[in-house]
Amino acid sequence: MTRRPEMDSETDMEIPSLGRTLRLFGRAFTLRCPNCGGGPVLEHWMKLRVRCGRCGLRMQRGEHDTVMGFAFILFTMVGLAAYVALTLTMLATEETPWDLLETGLPLLVLALLFAFFPLAKLGWLAFDLMFRPVTPQEMEWHRAAARQYETERDASR
């Protein structure tokens, strides 16, 4: 099996407008493609599809910072949600419920990791698209890479 070359984005960094930023993240956090607003984008809860079902954008744009970026977003979301839960627990009780916090907080963090996983992956894609919009040449590369992948998979059957 031959390995496809990855596409390096040729888009220059740009300062996004507030409307574009809200649109990209709104789409991502409703589990739709940040680029076109369509889908489907999830194969199942813990796995994104290779590309968007509507526009053909690969969910990983060929950049090597994807894992680090989505992990940062995931751990930030989990940390903030756990901090809110901890604060609400401390405010709701008169004395600190150490037993509850000792067992409940780690279980909450594990549950939040699974709950926020696709949101973090799509959030990173939205963040990437916010500063580096997709060019027509890059979209053609995404579609061509998808056709090549489908041909390779069909030939291996």
N, C-alpha and C. Protein backbone atom coordinates (compact mmCIF):
# COMPACT_ATOMS: atom_id res chain seq x y z
N MET A 1 0.86 -1.18 0.00
CA MET A 1 0.00 0.00 0.00
C MET A 1 0.90 1.23 0.00
N THR A 2 0.66 2.13 -0.92
CA THR A 2 1.45 3.36 -0.99
C THR A 2 0.89 4.39 -0.03
N ARG A 3 1.77 5.16 0.51
CA ARG A 3 1.36 6.19 1.46
C ARG A 3 1.14 7.49 0.71
N ARG A 4 -0.01 8.12 0.98
CA ARG A 4 -0.32 9.39 0.34
C ARG A 4 0.47 10.51 1.00
N PRO A 5 0.97 11.43 0.22
CA PRO A 5 1.64 12.59 0.84
C PRO A 5 0.59 13.47 1.52
N GLU A 6 0.98 14.03 2.63
CA GLU A 6 0.07 14.93 3.34
C GLU A 6 0.13 16.30 2.70
N MET A 7 -0.98 16.99 2.78
CA MET A 7 -1.07 18.33 2.22
C MET A 7 -0.69 19.34 3.29
N ASP A 8 0.26 20.17 3.02
CA ASP A 8 0.56 21.27 3.91
C ASP A 8 -0.31 22.43 3.49
N SER A 9 -0.93 23.06 4.45
CA SER A 9 -1.82 24.16 4.14
C SER A 9 -1.03 25.31 3.54
N GLU A 10 -1.57 25.86 2.46
CA GLU A 10 -0.91 27.00 1.82
C GLU A 10 -1.58 28.31 2.23
N THR A 11 -2.54 28.21 3.12
CA THR A 11 -3.27 29.39 3.55
C THR A 11 -2.44 30.19 4.53
N ASP A 12 -2.38 31.49 4.31
CA ASP A 12 -1.74 32.36 5.29
C ASP A 12 -2.65 32.50 6.49
N MET A 13 -2.04 32.79 7.63
CA MET A 13 -2.83 33.04 8.83
C MET A 13 -3.61 34.33 8.62
N GLU A 14 -4.84 34.34 9.12
CA GLU A 14 -5.63 35.56 9.02
C GLU A 14 -6.41 35.76 10.32
N ILE A 15 -6.72 36.99 10.60
CA ILE A 15 -7.51 37.33 11.78
C ILE A 15 -8.98 37.13 11.43
N PRO A 16 -9.67 36.22 12.12
CA PRO A 16 -11.06 35.95 11.77
C PRO A 16 -11.99 37.00 12.36
N SER A 17 -13.14 37.14 11.73
CA SER A 17 -14.16 38.03 12.28
C SER A 17 -14.89 37.29 13.42
N LEU A 18 -15.56 38.04 14.25
CA LEU A 18 -16.30 37.46 15.36
C LEU A 18 -17.42 36.55 14.84
N GLY A 19 -18.09 36.97 13.79
CA GLY A 19 -19.17 36.17 13.20
C GLY A 19 -18.67 34.83 12.69
N ARG A 20 -17.53 34.86 12.00
CA ARG A 20 -16.96 33.60 11.48
C ARG A 20 -16.55 32.69 12.63
N THR A 21 -15.95 33.25 13.66
CA THR A 21 -15.52 32.46 14.81
C THR A 21 -16.72 31.80 15.48
N LEU A 22 -17.77 32.56 15.73
CA LEU A 22 -18.97 32.01 16.35
C LEU A 22 -19.61 30.94 15.48
N ARG A 23 -19.63 31.16 14.17
CA ARG A 23 -20.21 30.18 13.25
C ARG A 23 -19.43 28.87 13.28
N LEU A 24 -18.09 28.95 13.21
CA LEU A 24 -17.25 27.75 13.21
C LEU A 24 -17.42 26.94 14.49
N PHE A 25 -17.33 27.63 15.64
CA PHE A 25 -17.45 26.92 16.92
C PHE A 25 -18.88 26.47 17.19
N GLY A 26 -19.86 27.23 16.75
CA GLY A 26 -21.26 26.81 16.89
C GLY A 26 -21.52 25.52 16.14
N ARG A 27 -21.00 25.42 14.94
CA ARG A 27 -21.15 24.19 14.16
C ARG A 27 -20.42 23.03 14.83
N ALA A 28 -19.21 23.29 15.30
CA ALA A 28 -18.41 22.22 15.93
C ALA A 28 -19.09 21.70 17.18
N PHE A 29 -19.62 22.60 18.02
CA PHE A 29 -20.20 22.17 19.28
C PHE A 29 -21.62 21.61 19.13
N THR A 30 -22.16 21.66 17.92
CA THR A 30 -23.41 20.96 17.63
C THR A 30 -23.13 19.70 16.79
N LEU A 31 -21.85 19.30 16.79
CA LEU A 31 -21.39 18.07 16.15
C LEU A 31 -21.66 18.04 14.65
N ARG A 32 -21.40 19.20 14.01
CA ARG A 32 -21.48 19.29 12.56
C ARG A 32 -20.12 19.75 12.04
N CYS A 33 -19.92 19.63 10.76
CA CYS A 33 -18.67 20.06 10.15
C CYS A 33 -18.49 21.56 10.34
N PRO A 34 -17.38 22.00 10.94
CA PRO A 34 -17.17 23.44 11.11
C PRO A 34 -17.08 24.19 9.79
N ASN A 35 -16.64 23.52 8.74
CA ASN A 35 -16.46 24.17 7.45
C ASN A 35 -17.79 24.46 6.75
N CYS A 36 -18.65 23.44 6.64
CA CYS A 36 -19.88 23.62 5.85
C CYS A 36 -21.15 23.57 6.69
N GLY A 37 -21.07 23.10 7.91
CA GLY A 37 -22.25 22.99 8.75
C GLY A 37 -23.04 21.72 8.51
N GLY A 38 -22.53 20.87 7.63
CA GLY A 38 -23.23 19.62 7.32
C GLY A 38 -22.64 18.44 8.03
N GLY A 39 -22.82 17.33 7.45
CA GLY A 39 -22.29 16.11 8.04
C GLY A 39 -22.72 14.93 7.19
N PRO A 40 -22.62 13.77 7.71
CA PRO A 40 -22.24 13.42 9.08
C PRO A 40 -20.72 13.52 9.28
N VAL A 41 -20.34 13.76 10.53
CA VAL A 41 -18.92 13.85 10.86
C VAL A 41 -18.50 12.80 11.88
N LEU A 42 -19.45 12.16 12.55
CA LEU A 42 -19.12 11.12 13.53
C LEU A 42 -19.37 9.73 12.96
N GLU A 43 -18.36 8.87 13.10
CA GLU A 43 -18.59 7.46 12.79
C GLU A 43 -19.28 6.81 13.98
N HIS A 44 -18.79 7.08 15.16
CA HIS A 44 -19.45 6.81 16.43
C HIS A 44 -18.90 7.82 17.43
N TRP A 45 -19.35 7.79 18.68
CA TRP A 45 -19.04 8.87 19.61
C TRP A 45 -17.55 9.10 19.78
N MET A 46 -16.75 8.05 19.76
CA MET A 46 -15.32 8.19 20.01
C MET A 46 -14.49 8.24 18.72
N LYS A 47 -15.14 8.33 17.57
CA LYS A 47 -14.38 8.33 16.32
C LYS A 47 -15.05 9.24 15.29
N LEU A 48 -14.26 10.17 14.77
CA LEU A 48 -14.75 11.00 13.68
C LEU A 48 -14.60 10.24 12.38
N ARG A 49 -15.44 10.58 11.41
CA ARG A 49 -15.26 10.03 10.08
C ARG A 49 -13.97 10.57 9.49
N VAL A 50 -13.49 9.97 8.44
CA VAL A 50 -12.27 10.44 7.79
C VAL A 50 -12.51 11.82 7.18
N ARG A 51 -13.70 12.03 6.61
CA ARG A 51 -14.02 13.31 6.00
C ARG A 51 -15.49 13.64 6.19
N CYS A 52 -15.82 14.88 5.99
CA CYS A 52 -17.21 15.34 6.11
C CYS A 52 -18.06 14.68 5.03
N GLY A 53 -19.26 14.28 5.40
CA GLY A 53 -20.16 13.64 4.44
C GLY A 53 -20.72 14.60 3.40
N ARG A 54 -20.64 15.91 3.65
CA ARG A 54 -21.17 16.88 2.70
C ARG A 54 -20.07 17.53 1.86
N CYS A 55 -19.13 18.21 2.50
CA CYS A 55 -18.15 18.99 1.73
C CYS A 55 -16.87 18.21 1.40
N GLY A 56 -16.62 17.10 2.08
CA GLY A 56 -15.44 16.30 1.78
C GLY A 56 -14.19 16.71 2.53
N LEU A 57 -14.27 17.70 3.41
CA LEU A 57 -13.10 18.12 4.18
C LEU A 57 -12.65 17.00 5.09
N ARG A 58 -11.36 16.69 5.06
CA ARG A 58 -10.83 15.69 5.99
C ARG A 58 -10.86 16.26 7.39
N MET A 59 -11.27 15.44 8.35
CA MET A 59 -11.37 15.90 9.72
C MET A 59 -10.00 16.18 10.32
N GLN A 60 -8.96 15.57 9.76
CA GLN A 60 -7.58 15.95 10.08
C GLN A 60 -7.00 16.51 8.80
N ARG A 61 -6.66 17.77 8.81
CA ARG A 61 -6.31 18.48 7.58
C ARG A 61 -4.92 18.16 7.06
N GLY A 62 -4.25 17.17 7.59
CA GLY A 62 -2.92 16.86 7.11
C GLY A 62 -1.85 17.55 7.92
N GLU A 63 -2.22 18.19 8.99
CA GLU A 63 -1.26 18.87 9.85
C GLU A 63 -0.86 17.93 10.98
N HIS A 64 0.31 18.14 11.53
CA HIS A 64 0.83 17.23 12.53
C HIS A 64 0.56 17.69 13.96
N ASP A 65 -0.15 18.78 14.14
CA ASP A 65 -0.42 19.29 15.48
C ASP A 65 -1.82 18.93 15.97
N THR A 66 -2.52 18.09 15.25
CA THR A 66 -3.91 17.80 15.55
C THR A 66 -4.10 17.19 16.93
N VAL A 67 -3.30 16.18 17.27
CA VAL A 67 -3.47 15.49 18.55
C VAL A 67 -3.19 16.43 19.71
N MET A 68 -2.14 17.18 19.61
CA MET A 68 -1.79 18.10 20.70
C MET A 68 -2.87 19.17 20.85
N GLY A 69 -3.39 19.68 19.76
CA GLY A 69 -4.41 20.72 19.82
C GLY A 69 -5.70 20.23 20.42
N PHE A 70 -6.19 19.07 19.96
CA PHE A 70 -7.47 18.61 20.50
C PHE A 70 -7.31 18.14 21.94
N ALA A 71 -6.14 17.60 22.31
CA ALA A 71 -5.91 17.20 23.70
C ALA A 71 -5.93 18.42 24.62
N PHE A 72 -5.35 19.52 24.17
CA PHE A 72 -5.38 20.74 24.95
C PHE A 72 -6.82 21.21 25.18
N ILE A 73 -7.62 21.20 24.12
CA ILE A 73 -9.01 21.62 24.23
C ILE A 73 -9.79 20.66 25.12
N LEU A 74 -9.56 19.36 24.95
CA LEU A 74 -10.26 18.36 25.76
C LEU A 74 -9.96 18.53 27.24
N PHE A 75 -8.69 18.63 27.59
CA PHE A 75 -8.33 18.75 29.01
C PHE A 75 -8.76 20.09 29.59
N THR A 76 -8.79 21.13 28.79
CA THR A 76 -9.29 22.42 29.27
C THR A 76 -10.78 22.33 29.56
N MET A 77 -11.55 21.73 28.66
CA MET A 77 -13.00 21.59 28.87
C MET A 77 -13.29 20.72 30.10
N VAL A 78 -12.58 19.61 30.22
CA VAL A 78 -12.78 18.70 31.36
C VAL A 78 -12.40 19.41 32.66
N GLY A 79 -11.28 20.10 32.66
CA GLY A 79 -10.84 20.80 33.86
C GLY A 79 -11.81 21.87 34.31
N LEU A 80 -12.31 22.64 33.36
CA LEU A 80 -13.28 23.69 33.70
C LEU A 80 -14.59 23.10 34.23
N ALA A 81 -15.08 22.05 33.59
CA ALA A 81 -16.32 21.42 34.03
C ALA A 81 -16.14 20.79 35.41
N ALA A 82 -15.00 20.15 35.65
CA ALA A 82 -14.74 19.55 36.97
C ALA A 82 -14.61 20.64 38.03
N TYR A 83 -14.00 21.74 37.69
CA TYR A 83 -13.87 22.86 38.63
C TYR A 83 -15.25 23.43 38.98
N VAL A 84 -16.12 23.55 38.00
CA VAL A 84 -17.48 24.04 38.26
C VAL A 84 -18.21 23.05 39.17
N ALA A 85 -18.09 21.75 38.90
CA ALA A 85 -18.74 20.74 39.74
C ALA A 85 -18.19 20.79 41.16
N LEU A 86 -16.89 20.94 41.29
CA LEU A 86 -16.27 21.04 42.61
C LEU A 86 -16.77 22.28 43.36
N THR A 87 -16.82 23.41 42.68
CA THR A 87 -17.28 24.65 43.30
C THR A 87 -18.73 24.54 43.73
N LEU A 88 -19.58 23.99 42.87
CA LEU A 88 -21.00 23.84 43.23
C LEU A 88 -21.16 22.88 44.41
N THR A 89 -20.37 21.82 44.45
CA THR A 89 -20.43 20.88 45.56
C THR A 89 -20.01 21.56 46.86
N MET A 90 -18.95 22.35 46.80
CA MET A 90 -18.47 23.05 48.00
C MET A 90 -19.49 24.08 48.48
N LEU A 91 -20.17 24.75 47.55
CA LEU A 91 -21.17 25.75 47.93
C LEU A 91 -22.44 25.12 48.47
N ALA A 92 -22.79 23.92 47.98
CA ALA A 92 -24.03 23.27 48.37
C ALA A 92 -23.94 22.58 49.72
N THR A 93 -22.75 22.30 50.17
CA THR A 93 -22.60 21.60 51.45
C THR A 93 -21.98 22.54 52.47
N GLU A 94 -22.33 22.31 53.73
CA GLU A 94 -21.78 23.17 54.77
C GLU A 94 -20.37 22.77 55.16
N GLU A 95 -20.09 21.48 55.12
CA GLU A 95 -18.71 21.06 55.37
C GLU A 95 -18.24 20.27 54.16
N THR A 96 -16.97 20.25 53.96
CA THR A 96 -16.40 19.65 52.76
C THR A 96 -16.64 18.14 52.75
N PRO A 97 -17.32 17.61 51.71
CA PRO A 97 -17.58 16.17 51.61
C PRO A 97 -16.39 15.43 50.99
N TRP A 98 -15.35 15.22 51.79
CA TRP A 98 -14.11 14.66 51.26
C TRP A 98 -14.31 13.29 50.64
N ASP A 99 -15.15 12.45 51.24
CA ASP A 99 -15.38 11.11 50.68
C ASP A 99 -16.00 11.20 49.29
N LEU A 100 -16.98 12.07 49.14
CA LEU A 100 -17.62 12.26 47.83
C LEU A 100 -16.61 12.79 46.82
N LEU A 101 -15.84 13.78 47.22
CA LEU A 101 -14.86 14.37 46.31
C LEU A 101 -13.75 13.38 45.94
N GLU A 102 -13.36 12.57 46.92
CA GLU A 102 -12.27 11.62 46.69
C GLU A 102 -12.62 10.57 45.66
N THR A 103 -13.85 10.12 45.65
CA THR A 103 -14.26 9.11 44.68
C THR A 103 -15.03 9.70 43.50
N GLY A 104 -15.84 10.71 43.79
CA GLY A 104 -16.71 11.26 42.75
C GLY A 104 -16.00 12.10 41.71
N LEU A 105 -15.03 12.88 42.14
CA LEU A 105 -14.34 13.78 41.20
C LEU A 105 -13.55 13.01 40.14
N PRO A 106 -12.77 11.98 40.51
CA PRO A 106 -12.09 11.21 39.45
C PRO A 106 -13.06 10.51 38.50
N LEU A 107 -14.18 10.00 39.05
CA LEU A 107 -15.18 9.37 38.17
C LEU A 107 -15.83 10.40 37.25
N LEU A 108 -16.07 11.59 37.77
CA LEU A 108 -16.63 12.67 36.95
C LEU A 108 -15.66 13.04 35.82
N VAL A 109 -14.38 13.13 36.15
CA VAL A 109 -13.38 13.48 35.13
C VAL A 109 -13.34 12.42 34.03
N LEU A 110 -13.38 11.15 34.40
CA LEU A 110 -13.39 10.08 33.38
C LEU A 110 -14.63 10.18 32.50
N ALA A 111 -15.79 10.43 33.11
CA ALA A 111 -17.02 10.56 32.33
C ALA A 111 -16.95 11.77 31.40
N LEU A 112 -16.38 12.88 31.89
CA LEU A 112 -16.28 14.09 31.07
C LEU A 112 -15.31 13.90 29.90
N LEU A 113 -14.26 13.11 30.10
CA LEU A 113 -13.34 12.83 28.98
C LEU A 113 -14.09 12.20 27.82
N PHE A 114 -14.95 11.24 28.12
CA PHE A 114 -15.74 10.60 27.07
C PHE A 114 -16.81 11.54 26.52
N ALA A 115 -17.43 12.32 27.40
CA ALA A 115 -18.51 13.21 26.97
C ALA A 115 -18.01 14.31 26.04
N PHE A 116 -16.83 14.84 26.32
CA PHE A 116 -16.32 15.98 25.55
C PHE A 116 -15.41 15.59 24.38
N PHE A 117 -15.13 14.31 24.20
CA PHE A 117 -14.17 13.87 23.19
C PHE A 117 -14.49 14.39 21.78
N PRO A 118 -15.68 14.14 21.22
CA PRO A 118 -15.92 14.63 19.85
C PRO A 118 -16.00 16.16 19.79
N LEU A 119 -16.48 16.78 20.87
CA LEU A 119 -16.54 18.24 20.88
C LEU A 119 -15.14 18.84 20.80
N ALA A 120 -14.18 18.22 21.49
CA ALA A 120 -12.81 18.72 21.48
C ALA A 120 -12.17 18.53 20.10
N LYS A 121 -12.41 17.38 19.48
CA LYS A 121 -11.83 17.14 18.14
C LYS A 121 -12.38 18.14 17.13
N LEU A 122 -13.69 18.33 17.14
CA LEU A 122 -14.29 19.29 16.21
C LEU A 122 -13.96 20.72 16.59
N GLY A 123 -13.79 20.97 17.89
CA GLY A 123 -13.38 22.30 18.34
C GLY A 123 -11.99 22.66 17.84
N TRP A 124 -11.07 21.68 17.82
CA TRP A 124 -9.74 21.94 17.29
C TRP A 124 -9.81 22.21 15.79
N LEU A 125 -10.63 21.47 15.08
CA LEU A 125 -10.79 21.71 13.64
C LEU A 125 -11.35 23.11 13.40
N ALA A 126 -12.31 23.52 14.21
CA ALA A 126 -12.87 24.87 14.08
C ALA A 126 -11.80 25.92 14.37
N PHE A 127 -10.98 25.68 15.39
CA PHE A 127 -9.90 26.61 15.73
C PHE A 127 -8.91 26.71 14.57
N ASP A 128 -8.58 25.57 13.96
CA ASP A 128 -7.67 25.54 12.82
C ASP A 128 -8.27 26.29 11.63
N LEU A 129 -9.54 26.04 11.35
CA LEU A 129 -10.21 26.71 10.23
C LEU A 129 -10.40 28.20 10.48
N MET A 130 -10.48 28.58 11.75
CA MET A 130 -10.67 29.98 12.10
C MET A 130 -9.48 30.81 11.62
N PHE A 131 -8.28 30.30 11.82
CA PHE A 131 -7.08 31.05 11.45
C PHE A 131 -6.55 30.70 10.07
N ARG A 132 -6.87 29.50 9.58
CA ARG A 132 -6.39 29.06 8.26
C ARG A 132 -7.57 28.51 7.46
N PRO A 133 -8.36 29.39 6.84
CA PRO A 133 -9.51 28.91 6.07
C PRO A 133 -9.08 27.99 4.93
N VAL A 134 -9.99 27.14 4.52
CA VAL A 134 -9.71 26.18 3.46
C VAL A 134 -9.72 26.89 2.12
N THR A 135 -8.71 26.61 1.30
CA THR A 135 -8.66 27.15 -0.06
C THR A 135 -9.31 26.16 -1.02
N PRO A 136 -9.70 26.60 -2.21
CA PRO A 136 -10.24 25.65 -3.19
C PRO A 136 -9.24 24.55 -3.56
N GLN A 137 -7.94 24.88 -3.62
CA GLN A 137 -6.93 23.87 -3.92
C GLN A 137 -6.86 22.81 -2.82
N GLU A 138 -6.97 23.27 -1.58
CA GLU A 138 -6.93 22.31 -0.48
C GLU A 138 -8.18 21.43 -0.49
N MET A 139 -9.35 22.00 -0.79
CA MET A 139 -10.57 21.19 -0.86
C MET A 139 -10.46 20.13 -1.95
N GLU A 140 -9.84 20.49 -3.07
CA GLU A 140 -9.65 19.51 -4.14
C GLU A 140 -8.73 18.40 -3.67
N TRP A 141 -7.70 18.74 -2.90
CA TRP A 141 -6.80 17.72 -2.35
C TRP A 141 -7.56 16.80 -1.39
N HIS A 142 -8.43 17.36 -0.55
CA HIS A 142 -9.21 16.55 0.38
C HIS A 142 -10.11 15.58 -0.38
N ARG A 143 -10.74 16.06 -1.43
CA ARG A 143 -11.63 15.19 -2.21
C ARG A 143 -10.84 14.13 -2.97
N ALA A 144 -9.69 14.50 -3.53
CA ALA A 144 -8.86 13.53 -4.25
C ALA A 144 -8.31 12.48 -3.29
N ALA A 145 -7.90 12.89 -2.10
CA ALA A 145 -7.40 11.95 -1.11
C ALA A 145 -8.51 10.99 -0.70
N ALA A 146 -9.74 11.47 -0.62
CA ALA A 146 -10.87 10.61 -0.26
C ALA A 146 -11.12 9.59 -1.36
N ARG A 147 -11.05 10.03 -2.63
CA ARG A 147 -11.25 9.09 -3.73
C ARG A 147 -10.16 8.03 -3.74
N GLN A 148 -8.92 8.43 -3.50
CA GLN A 148 -7.82 7.48 -3.47
C GLN A 148 -8.01 6.50 -2.32
N TYR A 149 -8.42 6.96 -1.15
CA TYR A 149 -8.63 6.10 0.00
C TYR A 149 -9.73 5.09 -0.30
N GLU A 150 -10.84 5.54 -0.90
CA GLU A 150 -11.93 4.63 -1.22
C GLU A 150 -11.48 3.59 -2.23
N THR A 151 -10.66 3.97 -3.21
CA THR A 151 -10.16 3.03 -4.21
C THR A 151 -9.26 1.99 -3.56
N GLU A 152 -8.36 2.41 -2.66
CA GLU A 152 -7.47 1.49 -1.98
C GLU A 152 -8.25 0.52 -1.11
N ARG A 153 -9.27 1.02 -0.42
CA ARG A 153 -10.05 0.16 0.47
C ARG A 153 -10.87 -0.83 -0.35
N ASP A 154 -11.44 -0.39 -1.48
CA ASP A 154 -12.22 -1.30 -2.33
C ASP A 154 -11.34 -2.38 -2.94
N ALA A 155 -10.09 -2.04 -3.28
CA ALA A 155 -9.19 -3.01 -3.89
C ALA A 155 -8.73 -4.06 -2.88
N SER A 156 -8.70 -3.71 -1.60
CA SER A 156 -8.23 -4.66 -0.60
C SER A 156 -9.28 -5.68 -0.20
N ARG A 157 -10.51 -5.54 -0.65
CA ARG A 157 -11.58 -6.48 -0.30
C ARG A 157 -11.52 -7.72 -1.12
